[in-house]
């Protein structure tokens, strides 16, 4: 019986492949239109104000935070 090292196996779909927004190459660019739209919805539901000048990375982190508060995205 041979041992499989996993080198030829497909990635485990249960593993989270997301990168930390702080390490994104484009993370310091302005948030995207879809991010802004979704954030507006989440902020309204959470009763929060939305800053206008967020970067992509900041918007992603705020989305995660607001999803936790609103119960969306779970």
N, C-alpha and C. Protein backbone atom coordinates (compact mmCIF):
# COMPACT_ATOMS: atom_id res chain seq x y z
N UNK A 1 0.84 -1.17 0.00
CA UNK A 1 0.00 0.00 0.00
C UNK A 1 0.89 1.24 0.00
N UNK A 2 0.70 2.12 -0.95
CA UNK A 2 1.54 3.31 -1.03
C UNK A 2 0.91 4.45 -0.26
N UNK A 3 1.77 5.32 0.27
CA UNK A 3 1.30 6.48 1.01
C UNK A 3 1.09 7.63 0.06
N UNK A 4 -0.02 8.33 0.21
CA UNK A 4 -0.31 9.49 -0.63
C UNK A 4 0.09 10.74 0.12
N UNK A 5 0.95 11.55 -0.48
CA UNK A 5 1.43 12.75 0.19
C UNK A 5 0.47 13.91 0.03
N UNK A 6 -0.52 13.76 -0.84
CA UNK A 6 -1.49 14.84 -1.03
C UNK A 6 -1.10 15.80 -2.13
N UNK A 7 0.08 15.66 -2.69
CA UNK A 7 0.55 16.59 -3.71
C UNK A 7 -0.29 16.52 -4.98
N UNK A 8 -0.88 15.34 -5.25
CA UNK A 8 -1.66 15.20 -6.47
C UNK A 8 -3.16 15.26 -6.21
N UNK A 9 -3.55 15.62 -5.00
CA UNK A 9 -4.97 15.69 -4.67
C UNK A 9 -5.50 17.10 -4.90
N UNK A 10 -6.78 17.17 -5.19
CA UNK A 10 -7.45 18.47 -5.34
C UNK A 10 -7.54 19.12 -3.97
N UNK A 11 -7.60 20.46 -3.94
CA UNK A 11 -7.74 21.15 -2.66
C UNK A 11 -9.02 20.76 -1.95
N UNK A 12 -8.97 20.74 -0.65
CA UNK A 12 -10.13 20.41 0.16
C UNK A 12 -11.13 21.56 0.08
N UNK A 13 -12.34 21.32 -0.45
CA UNK A 13 -13.31 22.41 -0.60
C UNK A 13 -13.81 22.96 0.74
N UNK A 14 -13.55 22.23 1.82
CA UNK A 14 -13.98 22.73 3.12
C UNK A 14 -12.98 23.70 3.73
N UNK A 15 -11.80 23.79 3.12
CA UNK A 15 -10.78 24.72 3.59
C UNK A 15 -11.07 26.11 3.06
N UNK A 16 -10.94 27.12 3.89
CA UNK A 16 -11.17 28.50 3.50
C UNK A 16 -9.95 29.02 2.76
N UNK A 17 -10.11 29.35 1.49
CA UNK A 17 -9.00 29.81 0.67
C UNK A 17 -8.89 31.33 0.66
N UNK A 18 -9.70 32.02 1.44
CA UNK A 18 -9.67 33.47 1.45
C UNK A 18 -8.38 33.97 2.07
N UNK A 19 -7.89 35.08 1.51
CA UNK A 19 -6.70 35.72 2.04
C UNK A 19 -7.11 36.85 2.97
N UNK A 20 -6.24 37.18 3.88
CA UNK A 20 -6.46 38.31 4.77
C UNK A 20 -6.47 39.58 3.93
N UNK A 21 -7.52 40.41 4.05
CA UNK A 21 -7.60 41.63 3.25
C UNK A 21 -6.38 42.53 3.39
N UNK A 22 -5.69 42.46 4.51
CA UNK A 22 -4.50 43.28 4.71
C UNK A 22 -3.36 42.89 3.78
N UNK A 23 -3.42 41.67 3.22
CA UNK A 23 -2.35 41.21 2.33
C UNK A 23 -2.71 41.33 0.86
N UNK A 24 -3.91 41.86 0.55
CA UNK A 24 -4.33 41.99 -0.84
C UNK A 24 -3.44 42.98 -1.57
N UNK A 25 -3.07 42.65 -2.78
CA UNK A 25 -2.27 43.56 -3.61
C UNK A 25 -3.07 44.82 -3.93
N UNK A 26 -4.37 44.68 -4.15
CA UNK A 26 -5.22 45.82 -4.50
C UNK A 26 -6.05 46.30 -3.32
N UNK A 27 -5.70 45.89 -2.12
CA UNK A 27 -6.48 46.21 -0.94
C UNK A 27 -6.57 47.69 -0.62
N UNK A 28 -5.60 48.47 -1.12
CA UNK A 28 -5.61 49.90 -0.81
C UNK A 28 -6.36 50.72 -1.87
N UNK A 29 -6.91 50.05 -2.86
CA UNK A 29 -7.72 50.75 -3.87
C UNK A 29 -9.10 51.04 -3.29
N UNK A 30 -9.82 52.02 -3.84
CA UNK A 30 -11.17 52.33 -3.33
C UNK A 30 -12.08 51.12 -3.43
N UNK A 31 -13.04 51.04 -2.49
CA UNK A 31 -13.98 49.91 -2.52
C UNK A 31 -14.72 49.88 -3.86
N UNK A 32 -15.16 48.71 -4.23
CA UNK A 32 -15.85 48.53 -5.50
C UNK A 32 -17.31 48.93 -5.36
N UNK A 33 -17.98 49.12 -6.49
CA UNK A 33 -19.40 49.44 -6.49
C UNK A 33 -20.23 48.38 -5.78
N UNK A 34 -20.00 47.09 -6.08
CA UNK A 34 -20.77 46.06 -5.39
C UNK A 34 -20.52 46.04 -3.87
N UNK A 35 -19.27 46.29 -3.46
CA UNK A 35 -18.99 46.36 -2.03
C UNK A 35 -19.79 47.50 -1.39
N UNK A 36 -19.78 48.66 -2.04
CA UNK A 36 -20.48 49.82 -1.49
C UNK A 36 -21.98 49.55 -1.39
N UNK A 37 -22.55 48.98 -2.43
CA UNK A 37 -23.97 48.68 -2.44
C UNK A 37 -24.34 47.71 -1.31
N UNK A 38 -23.57 46.64 -1.17
CA UNK A 38 -23.84 45.65 -0.13
C UNK A 38 -23.64 46.26 1.26
N UNK A 39 -22.59 47.07 1.40
CA UNK A 39 -22.35 47.72 2.67
C UNK A 39 -23.48 48.67 3.05
N UNK A 40 -24.03 49.35 2.08
CA UNK A 40 -25.16 50.24 2.36
C UNK A 40 -26.34 49.45 2.92
N UNK A 41 -26.59 48.29 2.34
CA UNK A 41 -27.68 47.43 2.82
C UNK A 41 -27.38 46.93 4.23
N UNK A 42 -26.17 46.42 4.44
CA UNK A 42 -25.81 45.90 5.76
C UNK A 42 -25.82 47.00 6.82
N UNK A 43 -25.28 48.17 6.48
CA UNK A 43 -25.23 49.28 7.44
C UNK A 43 -26.64 49.72 7.82
N UNK A 44 -27.52 49.78 6.86
CA UNK A 44 -28.91 50.16 7.13
C UNK A 44 -29.54 49.15 8.10
N UNK A 45 -29.34 47.86 7.83
CA UNK A 45 -29.91 46.82 8.69
C UNK A 45 -29.31 46.84 10.09
N UNK A 46 -28.03 47.22 10.18
CA UNK A 46 -27.34 47.24 11.48
C UNK A 46 -27.50 48.58 12.19
N UNK A 47 -28.14 49.56 11.53
CA UNK A 47 -28.30 50.87 12.13
C UNK A 47 -27.00 51.62 12.26
N UNK A 48 -26.11 51.43 11.29
CA UNK A 48 -24.78 52.05 11.32
C UNK A 48 -24.62 53.01 10.16
N UNK A 49 -23.74 54.00 10.35
CA UNK A 49 -23.36 54.89 9.26
C UNK A 49 -22.22 54.25 8.48
N UNK A 50 -22.18 54.53 7.18
CA UNK A 50 -21.16 53.95 6.31
C UNK A 50 -20.17 55.03 5.89
N UNK A 51 -18.88 54.88 6.24
CA UNK A 51 -17.88 55.83 5.76
C UNK A 51 -17.80 55.76 4.24
N UNK A 52 -17.56 56.88 3.61
CA UNK A 52 -17.53 56.95 2.14
C UNK A 52 -16.18 56.56 1.54
N UNK A 53 -15.11 56.72 2.27
CA UNK A 53 -13.77 56.58 1.68
C UNK A 53 -13.05 55.29 2.08
N UNK A 54 -13.76 54.18 2.09
CA UNK A 54 -13.16 52.91 2.45
C UNK A 54 -12.34 52.33 1.30
N UNK A 55 -11.29 51.60 1.65
CA UNK A 55 -10.54 50.83 0.66
C UNK A 55 -11.23 49.48 0.47
N UNK A 56 -10.78 48.74 -0.53
CA UNK A 56 -11.33 47.40 -0.74
C UNK A 56 -11.15 46.53 0.50
N UNK A 57 -9.96 46.60 1.10
CA UNK A 57 -9.68 45.78 2.28
C UNK A 57 -10.55 46.20 3.45
N UNK A 58 -10.67 47.50 3.69
CA UNK A 58 -11.50 47.99 4.79
C UNK A 58 -12.97 47.61 4.57
N UNK A 59 -13.42 47.73 3.33
CA UNK A 59 -14.81 47.38 3.01
C UNK A 59 -15.05 45.89 3.28
N UNK A 60 -14.11 45.05 2.90
CA UNK A 60 -14.25 43.62 3.13
C UNK A 60 -14.34 43.30 4.62
N UNK A 61 -13.49 43.95 5.41
CA UNK A 61 -13.51 43.71 6.85
C UNK A 61 -14.82 44.21 7.46
N UNK A 62 -15.31 45.34 6.99
CA UNK A 62 -16.57 45.88 7.51
C UNK A 62 -17.74 44.99 7.10
N UNK A 63 -17.69 44.44 5.89
CA UNK A 63 -18.72 43.50 5.46
C UNK A 63 -18.77 42.31 6.42
N UNK A 64 -17.61 41.75 6.74
CA UNK A 64 -17.56 40.62 7.67
C UNK A 64 -18.16 41.00 9.02
N UNK A 65 -17.80 42.18 9.52
CA UNK A 65 -18.30 42.64 10.81
C UNK A 65 -19.82 42.82 10.79
N UNK A 66 -20.31 43.48 9.76
CA UNK A 66 -21.74 43.74 9.67
C UNK A 66 -22.55 42.48 9.39
N UNK A 67 -21.97 41.55 8.66
CA UNK A 67 -22.65 40.27 8.45
C UNK A 67 -22.85 39.56 9.78
N UNK A 68 -21.86 39.66 10.65
CA UNK A 68 -21.98 39.07 11.98
C UNK A 68 -23.07 39.73 12.80
N UNK A 69 -23.18 41.04 12.67
CA UNK A 69 -24.20 41.77 13.42
C UNK A 69 -25.61 41.51 12.90
N UNK A 70 -25.74 41.37 11.58
CA UNK A 70 -27.06 41.23 10.97
C UNK A 70 -27.48 39.77 10.77
N UNK A 71 -26.54 38.85 10.87
CA UNK A 71 -26.85 37.44 10.64
C UNK A 71 -26.84 37.06 9.17
N UNK A 72 -26.43 38.00 8.31
CA UNK A 72 -26.33 37.68 6.88
C UNK A 72 -25.02 36.98 6.59
N UNK A 73 -24.98 36.27 5.47
CA UNK A 73 -23.73 35.66 5.01
C UNK A 73 -23.30 34.45 5.79
N UNK A 74 -24.21 33.84 6.53
CA UNK A 74 -23.82 32.67 7.32
C UNK A 74 -24.33 31.41 6.69
